[in-house]
Amino acid sequence: MSFWDKLKPAAPAAPTAIHMDVTRDGKVLRLHWEDGKRTAATARALRLACPCAACVDEWTNARTLDPATVPETLTIHEVAPVGNYALRLTFSDQHATGIFPWPVLRDVTERAPAPS
């Protein structure tokens, strides 16, 4: 191990598998993690947690997205990798600017109510 390897932060746990399931509640993103944990969240729960600048004030970190504007019927149209550290989700409301790093996805999918 080199000097620089000791300074680098540990890489966050990444999912080993990513699945989109269609349920009676709409689409659900299911993640299987390196540590064996399995988590999931609905499209709406993920949209409400979007970390992008359109949803969170960049200076105050206050959430600016009004939950009343996010429909219960929201779905995910596309899941795309961003490097080795995140996913970009495109939602049925055309919102596609959120990049969800692994730690954010882990947190959101662990806290979200269990989808059916």
PDB file of N, CA and C in Angstrom:
ATOM      1  N   MET A   1       0.855  -1.182   0.000  1.00  0.00           N
ATOM      2  CA  MET A   1       0.000   0.000   0.000  1.00  0.00           C
ATOM      3  C   MET A   1       0.892   1.233   0.000  1.00  0.00           C
ATOM      4  N   SER A   2       0.601   2.150  -0.896  1.00  0.00           N
ATOM      5  CA  SER A   2       1.411   3.362  -1.006  1.00  0.00           C
ATOM      6  C   SER A   2       0.947   4.428  -0.011  1.00  0.00           C
ATOM      7  N   PHE A   3       1.739   5.450   0.123  1.00  0.00           N
ATOM      8  CA  PHE A   3       1.395   6.591   0.970  1.00  0.00           C
ATOM      9  C   PHE A   3       0.053   7.188   0.547  1.00  0.00           C
ATOM     10  N   TRP A   4      -0.150   7.337  -0.770  1.00  0.00           N
ATOM     11  CA  TRP A   4      -1.376   7.967  -1.283  1.00  0.00           C
ATOM     12  C   TRP A   4      -2.605   7.096  -1.033  1.00  0.00           C
ATOM     13  N   ASP A   5      -2.426   5.785  -1.073  1.00  0.00           N
ATOM     14  CA  ASP A   5      -3.549   4.887  -0.789  1.00  0.00           C
ATOM     15  C   ASP A   5      -4.039   5.067   0.644  1.00  0.00           C
ATOM     16  N   LYS A   6      -3.115   5.376   1.550  1.00  0.00           N
ATOM     17  CA  LYS A   6      -3.493   5.578   2.954  1.00  0.00           C
ATOM     18  C   LYS A   6      -4.288   6.873   3.134  1.00  0.00           C
ATOM     19  N   LEU A   7      -4.061   7.861   2.261  1.00  0.00           N
ATOM     20  CA  LEU A   7      -4.754   9.146   2.359  1.00  0.00           C
ATOM     21  C   LEU A   7      -6.129   9.151   1.709  1.00  0.00           C
ATOM     22  N   LYS A   8      -6.310   8.285   0.725  1.00  0.00           N
ATOM     23  CA  LYS A   8      -7.590   8.246   0.006  1.00  0.00           C
ATOM     24  C   LYS A   8      -8.680   7.738   0.944  1.00  0.00           C
ATOM     25  N   PRO A   9      -9.849   8.365   0.891  1.00  0.00           N
ATOM     26  CA  PRO A   9     -10.950   7.838   1.698  1.00  0.00           C
ATOM     27  C   PRO A   9     -11.382   6.476   1.154  1.00  0.00           C
ATOM     28  N   ALA A  10     -11.918   5.673   2.021  1.00  0.00           N
ATOM     29  CA  ALA A  10     -12.416   4.364   1.597  1.00  0.00           C
ATOM     30  C   ALA A  10     -13.575   4.554   0.624  1.00  0.00           C
ATOM     31  N   ALA A  11     -13.607   3.738  -0.380  1.00  0.00           N
ATOM     32  CA  ALA A  11     -14.698   3.821  -1.362  1.00  0.00           C
ATOM     33  C   ALA A  11     -15.993   3.392  -0.697  1.00  0.00           C
ATOM     34  N   PRO A  12     -17.083   4.115  -0.970  1.00  0.00           N
ATOM     35  CA  PRO A  12     -18.360   3.713  -0.368  1.00  0.00           C
ATOM     36  C   PRO A  12     -18.817   2.380  -0.935  1.00  0.00           C
ATOM     37  N   ALA A  13     -19.568   1.662  -0.131  1.00  0.00           N
ATOM     38  CA  ALA A  13     -20.121   0.384  -0.586  1.00  0.00           C
ATOM     39  C   ALA A  13     -20.977   0.634  -1.822  1.00  0.00           C
ATOM     40  N   ALA A  14     -20.834  -0.230  -2.797  1.00  0.00           N
ATOM     41  CA  ALA A  14     -21.581  -0.093  -4.045  1.00  0.00           C
ATOM     42  C   ALA A  14     -22.548  -1.258  -4.189  1.00  0.00           C
ATOM     43  N   PRO A  15     -23.632  -1.042  -4.932  1.00  0.00           N
ATOM     44  CA  PRO A  15     -24.534  -2.165  -5.171  1.00  0.00           C
ATOM     45  C   PRO A  15     -23.905  -3.175  -6.128  1.00  0.00           C
ATOM     46  N   THR A  16     -24.193  -4.433  -5.902  1.00  0.00           N
ATOM     47  CA  THR A  16     -23.725  -5.484  -6.800  1.00  0.00           C
ATOM     48  C   THR A  16     -24.778  -5.815  -7.842  1.00  0.00           C
ATOM     49  N   ALA A  17     -26.023  -5.426  -7.574  1.00  0.00           N
ATOM     50  CA  ALA A  17     -27.114  -5.648  -8.532  1.00  0.00           C
ATOM     51  C   ALA A  17     -28.148  -4.542  -8.365  1.00  0.00           C
ATOM     52  N   ILE A  18     -28.707  -4.121  -9.495  1.00  0.00           N
ATOM     53  CA  ILE A  18     -29.725  -3.068  -9.516  1.00  0.00           C
ATOM     54  C   ILE A  18     -30.887  -3.597 -10.342  1.00  0.00           C
ATOM     55  N   HIS A  19     -32.087  -3.580  -9.753  1.00  0.00           N
ATOM     56  CA  HIS A  19     -33.269  -4.100 -10.441  1.00  0.00           C
ATOM     57  C   HIS A  19     -34.404  -3.093 -10.390  1.00  0.00           C
ATOM     58  N   MET A  20     -35.165  -3.023 -11.462  1.00  0.00           N
ATOM     59  CA  MET A  20     -36.411  -2.253 -11.488  1.00  0.00           C
ATOM     60  C   MET A  20     -37.549  -3.258 -11.473  1.00  0.00           C
ATOM     61  N   ASP A  21     -38.429  -3.143 -10.500  1.00  0.00           N
ATOM     62  CA  ASP A  21     -39.584  -4.024 -10.402  1.00  0.00           C
ATOM     63  C   ASP A  21     -40.855  -3.224 -10.599  1.00  0.00           C
ATOM     64  N   VAL A  22     -41.802  -3.796 -11.307  1.00  0.00           N
ATOM     65  CA  VAL A  22     -43.116  -3.180 -11.432  1.00  0.00           C
ATOM     66  C   VAL A  22     -44.000  -3.811 -10.365  1.00  0.00           C
ATOM     67  N   THR A  23     -44.538  -2.985  -9.500  1.00  0.00           N
ATOM     68  CA  THR A  23     -45.422  -3.449  -8.441  1.00  0.00           C
ATOM     69  C   THR A  23     -46.731  -2.697  -8.555  1.00  0.00           C
ATOM     70  N   ARG A  24     -47.634  -2.973  -7.655  1.00  0.00           N
ATOM     71  CA  ARG A  24     -48.912  -2.251  -7.695  1.00  0.00           C
ATOM     72  C   ARG A  24     -48.736  -0.776  -7.354  1.00  0.00           C
ATOM     73  N   ASP A  25     -47.601  -0.414  -6.738  1.00  0.00           N
ATOM     74  CA  ASP A  25     -47.317   0.977  -6.388  1.00  0.00           C
ATOM     75  C   ASP A  25     -46.526   1.710  -7.467  1.00  0.00           C
ATOM     76  N   GLY A  26     -46.265   1.069  -8.568  1.00  0.00           N
ATOM     77  CA  GLY A  26     -45.425   1.689  -9.599  1.00  0.00           C
ATOM     78  C   GLY A  26     -44.082   1.024  -9.616  1.00  0.00           C
ATOM     79  N   LYS A  27     -43.107   1.678 -10.178  1.00  0.00           N
ATOM     80  CA  LYS A  27     -41.776   1.079 -10.266  1.00  0.00           C
ATOM     81  C   LYS A  27     -41.021   1.250  -8.958  1.00  0.00           C
ATOM     82  N   VAL A  28     -40.284   0.216  -8.643  1.00  0.00           N
ATOM     83  CA  VAL A  28     -39.479   0.188  -7.422  1.00  0.00           C
ATOM     84  C   VAL A  28     -38.042  -0.115  -7.819  1.00  0.00           C
ATOM     85  N   LEU A  29     -37.114   0.643  -7.268  1.00  0.00           N
ATOM     86  CA  LEU A  29     -35.705   0.384  -7.480  1.00  0.00           C
ATOM     87  C   LEU A  29     -35.225  -0.498  -6.342  1.00  0.00           C
ATOM     88  N   ARG A  30     -34.683  -1.667  -6.687  1.00  0.00           N
ATOM     89  CA  ARG A  30     -34.165  -2.609  -5.689  1.00  0.00           C
ATOM     90  C   ARG A  30     -32.663  -2.721  -5.861  1.00  0.00           C
ATOM     91  N   LEU A  31     -31.938  -2.646  -4.750  1.00  0.00           N
ATOM     92  CA  LEU A  31     -30.486  -2.684  -4.768  1.00  0.00           C
ATOM     93  C   LEU A  31     -29.976  -3.808  -3.880  1.00  0.00           C
ATOM     94  N   HIS A  32     -29.006  -4.553  -4.375  1.00  0.00           N
ATOM     95  CA  HIS A  32     -28.311  -5.566  -3.583  1.00  0.00           C
ATOM     96  C   HIS A  32     -26.907  -5.019  -3.379  1.00  0.00           C
ATOM     97  N   TRP A  33     -26.479  -4.925  -2.121  1.00  0.00           N
ATOM     98  CA  TRP A  33     -25.212  -4.279  -1.777  1.00  0.00           C
ATOM     99  C   TRP A  33     -24.100  -5.291  -1.535  1.00  0.00           C
ATOM    100  N   GLU A  34     -22.865  -4.821  -1.608  1.00  0.00           N
ATOM    101  CA  GLU A  34     -21.684  -5.665  -1.413  1.00  0.00           C
ATOM    102  C   GLU A  34     -21.703  -6.396  -0.075  1.00  0.00           C
ATOM    103  N   ASP A  35     -22.298  -5.774   0.946  1.00  0.00           N
ATOM    104  CA  ASP A  35     -22.330  -6.392   2.270  1.00  0.00           C
ATOM    105  C   ASP A  35     -23.496  -7.363   2.452  1.00  0.00           C
ATOM    106  N   GLY A  36     -24.237  -7.650   1.365  1.00  0.00           N
ATOM    107  CA  GLY A  36     -25.344  -8.602   1.428  1.00  0.00           C
ATOM    108  C   GLY A  36     -26.693  -7.977   1.712  1.00  0.00           C
ATOM    109  N   LYS A  37     -26.713  -6.733   2.110  1.00  0.00           N
ATOM    110  CA  LYS A  37     -27.978  -6.044   2.412  1.00  0.00           C
ATOM    111  C   LYS A  37     -28.767  -5.816   1.124  1.00  0.00           C
ATOM    112  N   ARG A  38     -30.085  -5.907   1.221  1.00  0.00           N
ATOM    113  CA  ARG A  38     -30.975  -5.625   0.097  1.00  0.00           C
ATOM    114  C   ARG A  38     -31.909  -4.500   0.518  1.00  0.00           C
ATOM    115  N   THR A  39     -31.976  -3.459  -0.312  1.00  0.00           N
ATOM    116  CA  THR A  39     -32.813  -2.306  -0.001  1.00  0.00           C
ATOM    117  C   THR A  39     -33.656  -1.964  -1.220  1.00  0.00           C
ATOM    118  N   ALA A  40     -34.691  -1.155  -1.000  1.00  0.00           N
ATOM    119  CA  ALA A  40     -35.571  -0.761  -2.104  1.00  0.00           C
ATOM    120  C   ALA A  40     -36.277   0.542  -1.763  1.00  0.00           C
ATOM    121  N   ALA A  41     -36.704   1.241  -2.815  1.00  0.00           N
ATOM    122  CA  ALA A  41     -37.482   2.468  -2.640  1.00  0.00           C
ATOM    123  C   ALA A  41     -38.343   2.672  -3.880  1.00  0.00           C
ATOM    124  N   THR A  42     -39.480   3.309  -3.667  1.00  0.00           N
ATOM    125  CA  THR A  42     -40.346   3.639  -4.791  1.00  0.00           C
ATOM    126  C   THR A  42     -39.774   4.831  -5.545  1.00  0.00           C
ATOM    127  N   ALA A  43     -40.260   5.019  -6.754  1.00  0.00           N
ATOM    128  CA  ALA A  43     -39.838   6.159  -7.558  1.00  0.00           C
ATOM    129  C   ALA A  43     -40.142   7.462  -6.820  1.00  0.00           C
ATOM    130  N   ARG A  44     -41.294   7.554  -6.191  1.00  0.00           N
ATOM    131  CA  ARG A  44     -41.667   8.782  -5.487  1.00  0.00           C
ATOM    132  C   ARG A  44     -40.712   9.073  -4.320  1.00  0.00           C
ATOM    133  N   ALA A  45     -40.371   8.055  -3.551  1.00  0.00           N
ATOM    134  CA  ALA A  45     -39.447   8.247  -2.426  1.00  0.00           C
ATOM    135  C   ALA A  45     -38.092   8.736  -2.927  1.00  0.00           C
ATOM    136  N   LEU A  46     -37.627   8.189  -4.034  1.00  0.00           N
ATOM    137  CA  LEU A  46     -36.353   8.620  -4.598  1.00  0.00           C
ATOM    138  C   LEU A  46     -36.446  10.044  -5.137  1.00  0.00           C
ATOM    139  N   ARG A  47     -37.546  10.362  -5.808  1.00  0.00           N
ATOM    140  CA  ARG A  47     -37.722  11.724  -6.352  1.00  0.00           C
ATOM    141  C   ARG A  47     -37.755  12.754  -5.227  1.00  0.00           C
ATOM    142  N   LEU A  48     -38.418  12.425  -4.118  1.00  0.00           N
ATOM    143  CA  LEU A  48     -38.493  13.339  -2.977  1.00  0.00           C
ATOM    144  C   LEU A  48     -37.125  13.544  -2.318  1.00  0.00           C
ATOM    145  N   ALA A  49     -36.217  12.600  -2.505  1.00  0.00           N
ATOM    146  CA  ALA A  49     -34.879  12.697  -1.917  1.00  0.00           C
ATOM    147  C   ALA A  49     -33.831  13.176  -2.918  1.00  0.00           C
ATOM    148  N   CYS A  50     -34.252  13.606  -4.078  1.00  0.00           N
ATOM    149  CA  CYS A  50     -33.310  14.014  -5.117  1.00  0.00           C
ATOM    150  C   CYS A  50     -32.351  15.083  -4.580  1.00  0.00           C
ATOM    151  N   PRO A  51     -31.038  14.871  -4.756  1.00  0.00           N
ATOM    152  CA  PRO A  51     -30.056  15.807  -4.218  1.00  0.00           C
ATOM    153  C   PRO A  51     -29.632  16.926  -5.176  1.00  0.00           C
ATOM    154  N   CYS A  52     -30.298  17.071  -6.315  1.00  0.00           N
ATOM    155  CA  CYS A  52     -29.837  18.052  -7.312  1.00  0.00           C
ATOM    156  C   CYS A  52     -30.138  19.492  -6.877  1.00  0.00           C
ATOM    157  N   ALA A  53     -29.536  20.443  -7.578  1.00  0.00           N
ATOM    158  CA  ALA A  53     -29.680  21.863  -7.256  1.00  0.00           C
ATOM    159  C   ALA A  53     -31.099  22.380  -7.496  1.00  0.00           C
ATOM    160  N   ALA A  54     -31.871  21.710  -8.326  1.00  0.00           N
ATOM    161  CA  ALA A  54     -33.263  22.119  -8.538  1.00  0.00           C
ATOM    162  C   ALA A  54     -34.155  21.698  -7.364  1.00  0.00           C
ATOM    163  N   CYS A  55     -33.686  20.735  -6.574  1.00  0.00           N
ATOM    164  CA  CYS A  55     -34.486  20.213  -5.458  1.00  0.00           C
ATOM    165  C   CYS A  55     -33.954  20.618  -4.085  1.00  0.00           C
ATOM    166  N   VAL A  56     -32.702  21.048  -4.031  1.00  0.00           N
ATOM    167  CA  VAL A  56     -32.062  21.434  -2.767  1.00  0.00           C
ATOM    168  C   VAL A  56     -31.294  22.723  -2.998  1.00  0.00           C
ATOM    169  N   ASP A  57     -31.493  23.714  -2.123  1.00  0.00           N
ATOM    170  CA  ASP A  57     -30.763  24.973  -2.231  1.00  0.00           C
ATOM    171  C   ASP A  57     -29.274  24.719  -2.020  1.00  0.00           C
ATOM    172  N   GLU A  58     -28.463  25.164  -2.953  1.00  0.00           N
ATOM    173  CA  GLU A  58     -27.026  24.897  -2.902  1.00  0.00           C
ATOM    174  C   GLU A  58     -26.313  25.599  -1.746  1.00  0.00           C
ATOM    175  N   TRP A  59     -26.851  26.699  -1.276  1.00  0.00           N
ATOM    176  CA  TRP A  59     -26.195  27.468  -0.209  1.00  0.00           C
ATOM    177  C   TRP A  59     -26.642  27.044   1.175  1.00  0.00           C
ATOM    178  N   THR A  60     -27.951  26.822   1.331  1.00  0.00           N
ATOM    179  CA  THR A  60     -28.474  26.512   2.659  1.00  0.00           C
ATOM    180  C   THR A  60     -28.689  25.015   2.864  1.00  0.00           C
ATOM    181  N   ASN A  61     -28.666  24.247   1.779  1.00  0.00           N
ATOM    182  CA  ASN A  61     -28.950  22.811   1.815  1.00  0.00           C
ATOM    183  C   ASN A  61     -30.407  22.520   2.189  1.00  0.00           C
ATOM    184  N   ALA A  62     -31.249  23.541   2.127  1.00  0.00           N
ATOM    185  CA  ALA A  62     -32.677  23.352   2.422  1.00  0.00           C
ATOM    186  C   ALA A  62     -33.370  22.756   1.204  1.00  0.00           C
ATOM    187  N   ARG A  63     -34.252  21.827   1.448  1.00  0.00           N
ATOM    188  CA  ARG A  63     -34.992  21.186   0.368  1.00  0.00           C
ATOM    189  C   ARG A  63     -35.984  22.195  -0.197  1.00  0.00           C
ATOM    190  N   THR A  64     -35.967  22.381  -1.524  1.00  0.00           N
ATOM    191  CA  THR A  64     -36.862  23.331  -2.185  1.00  0.00           C
ATOM    192  C   THR A  64     -37.978  22.635  -2.956  1.00  0.00           C
ATOM    193  N   LEU A  65     -37.880  21.334  -3.132  1.00  0.00           N
ATOM    194  CA  LEU A  65     -38.914  20.577  -3.835  1.00  0.00           C
ATOM    195  C   LEU A  65     -40.148  20.462  -2.955  1.00  0.00           C
ATOM    196  N   ASP A  66     -41.297  20.868  -3.494  1.00  0.00           N
ATOM    197  CA  ASP A  66     -42.561  20.758  -2.774  1.00  0.00           C
ATOM    198  C   ASP A  66     -43.099  19.340  -2.958  1.00  0.00           C
ATOM    199  N   PRO A  67     -43.204  18.550  -1.878  1.00  0.00           N
ATOM    200  CA  PRO A  67     -43.690  17.176  -2.000  1.00  0.00           C
ATOM    201  C   PRO A  67     -45.072  17.071  -2.655  1.00  0.00           C
ATOM    202  N   ALA A  68     -45.890  18.111  -2.527  1.00  0.00           N
ATOM    203  CA  ALA A  68     -47.225  18.087  -3.133  1.00  0.00           C
ATOM    204  C   ALA A  68     -47.159  18.065  -4.656  1.00  0.00           C
ATOM    205  N   THR A  69     -46.030  18.450  -5.232  1.00  0.00           N
ATOM    206  CA  THR A  69     -45.897  18.469  -6.693  1.00  0.00           C
ATOM    207  C   THR A  69     -45.418  17.133  -7.262  1.00  0.00           C
ATOM    208  N   VAL A  70     -45.109  16.176  -6.395  1.00  0.00           N
ATOM    209  CA  VAL A  70     -44.617  14.869  -6.840  1.00  0.00           C
ATOM    210  C   VAL A  70     -45.777  13.876  -6.768  1.00  0.00           C
ATOM    211  N   PRO A  71     -46.274  13.425  -7.917  1.00  0.00           N
ATOM    212  CA  PRO A  71     -47.440  12.541  -7.912  1.00  0.00           C
ATOM    213  C   PRO A  71     -47.135  11.158  -7.332  1.00  0.00           C
ATOM    214  N   GLU A  72     -48.139  10.561  -6.736  1.00  0.00           N
ATOM    215  CA  GLU A  72     -48.016   9.201  -6.198  1.00  0.00           C
ATOM    216  C   GLU A  72     -47.753   8.191  -7.313  1.00  0.00           C
ATOM    217  N   THR A  73     -48.171   8.514  -8.529  1.00  0.00           N
ATOM    218  CA  THR A  73     -48.057   7.590  -9.662  1.00  0.00           C
ATOM    219  C   THR A  73     -46.720   7.707 -10.399  1.00  0.00           C
ATOM    220  N   LEU A  74     -45.785   8.474  -9.869  1.00  0.00           N
ATOM    221  CA  LEU A  74     -44.503   8.691 -10.505  1.00  0.00           C
ATOM    222  C   LEU A  74     -43.779   7.364 -10.736  1.00  0.00           C
ATOM    223  N   THR A  75     -43.095   7.262 -11.871  1.00  0.00           N
ATOM    224  CA  THR A  75     -42.288   6.083 -12.172  1.00  0.00           C
ATOM    225  C   THR A  75     -40.895   6.514 -12.592  1.00  0.00           C
ATOM    226  N   ILE A  76     -40.003   5.552 -12.671  1.00  0.00           N
ATOM    227  CA  ILE A  76     -38.645   5.795 -13.154  1.00  0.00           C
ATOM    228  C   ILE A  76     -38.584   5.291 -14.587  1.00  0.00           C
ATOM    229  N   HIS A  77     -38.197   6.167 -15.513  1.00  0.00           N
ATOM    230  CA  HIS A  77     -38.094   5.779 -16.915  1.00  0.00           C
ATOM    231  C   HIS A  77     -36.729   5.216 -17.266  1.00  0.00           C
ATOM    232  N   GLU A  78     -35.683   5.709 -16.580  1.00  0.00           N
ATOM    233  CA  GLU A  78     -34.336   5.265 -16.932  1.00  0.00           C
ATOM    234  C   GLU A  78     -33.429   5.300 -15.711  1.00  0.00           C
ATOM    235  N   VAL A  79     -32.553   4.319 -15.640  1.00  0.00           N
ATOM    236  CA  VAL A  79     -31.511   4.257 -14.617  1.00  0.00           C
ATOM    237  C   VAL A  79     -30.192   4.154 -15.368  1.00  0.00           C
ATOM    238  N   ALA A  80     -29.301   5.128 -15.156  1.00  0.00           N
ATOM    239  CA  ALA A  80     -28.024   5.138 -15.860  1.00  0.00           C
ATOM    240  C   ALA A  80     -26.880   5.298 -14.862  1.00  0.00           C
ATOM    241  N   PRO A  81     -25.809   4.525 -15.043  1.00  0.00           N
ATOM    242  CA  PRO A  81     -24.657   4.688 -14.143  1.00  0.00           C
ATOM    243  C   PRO A  81     -23.943   6.007 -14.406  1.00  0.00           C
ATOM    244  N   VAL A  82     -23.378   6.554 -13.342  1.00  0.00           N
ATOM    245  CA  VAL A  82     -22.518   7.737 -13.430  1.00  0.00           C
ATOM    246  C   VAL A  82     -21.180   7.299 -12.848  1.00  0.00           C
ATOM    247  N   GLY A  83     -20.231   7.057 -13.722  1.00  0.00           N
ATOM    248  CA  GLY A  83     -18.942   6.546 -13.273  1.00  0.00           C
ATOM    249  C   GLY A  83     -19.119   5.286 -12.451  1.00  0.00           C
ATOM    250  N   ASN A  84     -18.310   5.164 -11.416  1.00  0.00           N
ATOM    251  CA  ASN A  84     -18.413   4.030 -10.494  1.00  0.00           C
ATOM    252  C   ASN A  84     -18.956   4.450  -9.147  1.00  0.00           C
ATOM    253  N   TYR A  85     -19.666   5.590  -9.112  1.00  0.00           N
ATOM    254  CA  TYR A  85     -20.041   6.129  -7.810  1.00  0.00           C
ATOM    255  C   TYR A  85     -21.503   6.505  -7.657  1.00  0.00           C
ATOM    256  N   ALA A  86     -22.314   6.423  -8.711  1.00  0.00           N
ATOM    257  CA  ALA A  86     -23.682   6.934  -8.595  1.00  0.00           C
ATOM    258  C   ALA A  86     -24.575   6.420  -9.712  1.00  0.00           C
ATOM    259  N   LEU A  87     -25.870   6.752  -9.583  1.00  0.00           N
ATOM    260  CA  LEU A  87     -26.859   6.518 -10.631  1.00  0.00           C
ATOM    261  C   LEU A  87     -27.547   7.835 -10.965  1.00  0.00           C
ATOM    262  N   ARG A  88     -27.887   8.000 -12.237  1.00  0.00           N
ATOM    263  CA  ARG A  88     -28.743   9.113 -12.658  1.00  0.00           C
ATOM    264  C   ARG A  88     -30.094   8.511 -12.988  1.00  0.00           C
ATOM    265  N   LEU A  89     -31.123   9.038 -12.342  1.00  0.00           N
ATOM    266  CA  LEU A  89     -32.484   8.538 -12.549  1.00  0.00           C
ATOM    267  C   LEU A  89     -33.275   9.541 -13.365  1.00  0.00           C
ATOM    268  N   THR A  90     -34.020   9.036 -14.343  1.00  0.00           N
ATOM    269  CA  THR A  90     -34.942   9.869 -15.105  1.00  0.00           C
ATOM    270  C   THR A  90     -36.351   9.438 -14.713  1.00  0.00           C
ATOM    271  N   PHE A  91     -37.132  10.389 -14.230  1.00  0.00           N
ATOM    272  CA  PHE A  91     -38.477  10.109 -13.725  1.00  0.00           C
ATOM    273  C   PHE A  91     -39.543  10.448 -14.771  1.00  0.00           C
ATOM    274  N   SER A  92     -40.741   9.946 -14.572  1.00  0.00           N
ATOM    275  CA  SER A  92     -41.838  10.174 -15.512  1.00  0.00           C
ATOM    276  C   SER A  92     -42.286  11.629 -15.554  1.00  0.00           C
ATOM    277  N   ASP A  93     -41.880  12.456 -14.570  1.00  0.00           N
ATOM    278  CA  ASP A  93     -42.180  13.892 -14.622  1.00  0.00           C
ATOM    279  C   ASP A  93     -41.105  14.656 -15.393  1.00  0.00           C
ATOM    280  N   GLN A  94     -40.223  13.918 -16.083  1.00  0.00           N
ATOM    281  CA  GLN A  94     -39.131  14.445 -16.912  1.00  0.00           C
ATOM    282  C   GLN A  94     -37.954  14.970 -16.098  1.00  0.00           C
ATOM    283  N   HIS A  95     -37.971  14.821 -14.792  1.00  0.00           N
ATOM    284  CA  HIS A  95     -36.844  15.259 -13.960  1.00  0.00           C
ATOM    285  C   HIS A  95     -35.695  14.268 -14.161  1.00  0.00           C
ATOM    286  N   ALA A  96     -34.520  14.781 -14.549  1.00  0.00           N
ATOM    287  CA  ALA A  96     -33.392  13.892 -14.831  1.00  0.00           C
ATOM    288  C   ALA A  96     -32.048  14.492 -14.414  1.00  0.00           C
ATOM    289  N   THR A  97     -32.068  15.484 -13.534  1.00  0.00           N
ATOM    290  CA  THR A  97     -30.816  16.149 -13.175  1.00  0.00           C
ATOM    291  C   THR A  97     -30.199  15.634 -11.879  1.00  0.00           C
ATOM    292  N   GLY A  98     -30.862  14.743 -11.205  1.00  0.00           N
ATOM    293  CA  GLY A  98     -30.332  14.237  -9.946  1.00  0.00           C
ATOM    294  C   GLY A  98     -29.339  13.114 -10.144  1.00  0.00           C
ATOM    295  N   ILE A  99     -28.180  13.246  -9.520  1.00  0.00           N
ATOM    296  CA  ILE A  99     -27.194  12.179  -9.479  1.00  0.00           C
ATOM    297  C   ILE A  99     -27.201  11.659  -8.052  1.00  0.00           C
ATOM    298  N   PHE A 100     -27.468  10.369  -7.916  1.00  0.00           N
ATOM    299  CA  PHE A 100     -27.608   9.734  -6.609  1.00  0.00           C
ATOM    300  C   PHE A 100     -26.357   8.908  -6.307  1.00  0.00           C
ATOM    301  N   PRO A 101     -25.394   9.465  -5.540  1.00  0.00           N
ATOM    302  CA  PRO A 101     -24.202   8.693  -5.161  1.00  0.00           C
ATOM    303  C   PRO A 101     -24.602   7.498  -4.296  1.00  0.00           C
ATOM    304  N   TRP A 102     -23.738   6.473  -4.282  1.00  0.00           N
ATOM    305  CA  TRP A 102     -24.061   5.259  -3.516  1.00  0.00           C
ATOM    306  C   TRP A 102     -24.481   5.545  -2.075  1.00  0.00           C
ATOM    307  N   PRO A 103     -23.775   6.400  -1.314  1.00  0.00           N
ATOM    308  CA  PRO A 103     -24.210   6.631   0.072  1.00  0.00           C
ATOM    309  C   PRO A 103     -25.623   7.226   0.164  1.00  0.00           C
ATOM    310  N   VAL A 104     -25.983   8.096  -0.775  1.00  0.00           N
ATOM    311  CA  VAL A 104     -27.331   8.679  -0.786  1.00  0.00           C
ATOM    312  C   VAL A 104     -28.351   7.594  -1.098  1.00  0.00           C
ATOM    313  N   LEU A 105     -28.074   6.766  -2.107  1.00  0.00           N
ATOM    314  CA  LEU A 105     -29.007   5.679  -2.443  1.00  0.00           C
ATOM    315  C   LEU A 105     -29.175   4.715  -1.281  1.00  0.00           C
ATOM    316  N   ARG A 106     -28.085   4.405  -0.613  1.00  0.00           N
ATOM    317  CA  ARG A 106     -28.168   3.481   0.521  1.00  0.00           C
ATOM    318  C   ARG A 106     -29.051   4.074   1.609  1.00  0.00           C
ATOM    319  N   ASP A 107     -28.815   5.339   1.929  1.00  0.00           N
ATOM    320  CA  ASP A 107     -29.587   6.012   2.973  1.00  0.00           C
ATOM    321  C   ASP A 107     -31.074   6.082   2.608  1.00  0.00           C
ATOM    322  N   VAL A 108     -31.371   6.517   1.402  1.00  0.00           N
ATOM    323  CA  VAL A 108     -32.770   6.673   0.981  1.00  0.00           C
ATOM    324  C   VAL A 108     -33.481   5.323   0.954  1.00  0.00           C
ATOM    325  N   THR A 109     -32.829   4.311   0.398  1.00  0.00           N
ATOM    326  CA  THR A 109     -33.502   3.020   0.272  1.00  0.00           C
ATOM    327  C   THR A 109     -33.613   2.276   1.609  1.00  0.00           C
ATOM    328  N   GLU A 110     -32.743   2.597   2.554  1.00  0.00           N
ATOM    329  CA  GLU A 110     -32.882   1.988   3.899  1.00  0.00           C
ATOM    330  C   GLU A 110     -33.990   2.691   4.691  1.00  0.00           C
ATOM    331  N   ARG A 111     -34.167   3.997   4.493  1.00  0.00           N
ATOM    332  CA  ARG A 111     -35.172   4.751   5.243  1.00  0.00           C
ATOM    333  C   ARG A 111     -36.563   4.673   4.636  1.00  0.00           C
ATOM    334  N   ALA A 112     -36.655   4.389   3.346  1.00  0.00           N
ATOM    335  CA  ALA A 112     -37.952   4.405   2.652  1.00  0.00           C
ATOM    336  C   ALA A 112     -38.847   3.301   3.198  1.00  0.00           C
ATOM    337  N   PRO A 113     -40.159   3.586   3.271  1.00  0.00           N
ATOM    338  CA  PRO A 113     -41.081   2.512   3.662  1.00  0.00           C
ATOM    339  C   PRO A 113     -40.950   1.354   2.683  1.00  0.00           C
ATOM    340  N   ALA A 114     -41.058   0.156   3.180  1.00  0.00           N
ATOM    341  CA  ALA A 114     -40.910  -1.039   2.329  1.00  0.00           C
ATOM    342  C   ALA A 114     -41.969  -1.023   1.230  1.00  0.00           C
ATOM    343  N   PRO A 115     -41.525  -0.993  -0.033  1.00  0.00           N
ATOM    344  CA  PRO A 115     -42.496  -1.043  -1.124  1.00  0.00           C
ATOM    345  C   PRO A 115     -43.091  -2.427  -1.228  1.00  0.00           C
ATOM    346  N   SER A 116     -44.306  -2.489  -1.766  1.00  0.00           N
ATOM    347  CA  SER A 116     -44.938  -3.803  -1.895  1.00  0.00           C
ATOM    348  C   SER A 116     -44.459  -4.528  -3.112  1.00  0.00           C
TER     349      SER A 116
END
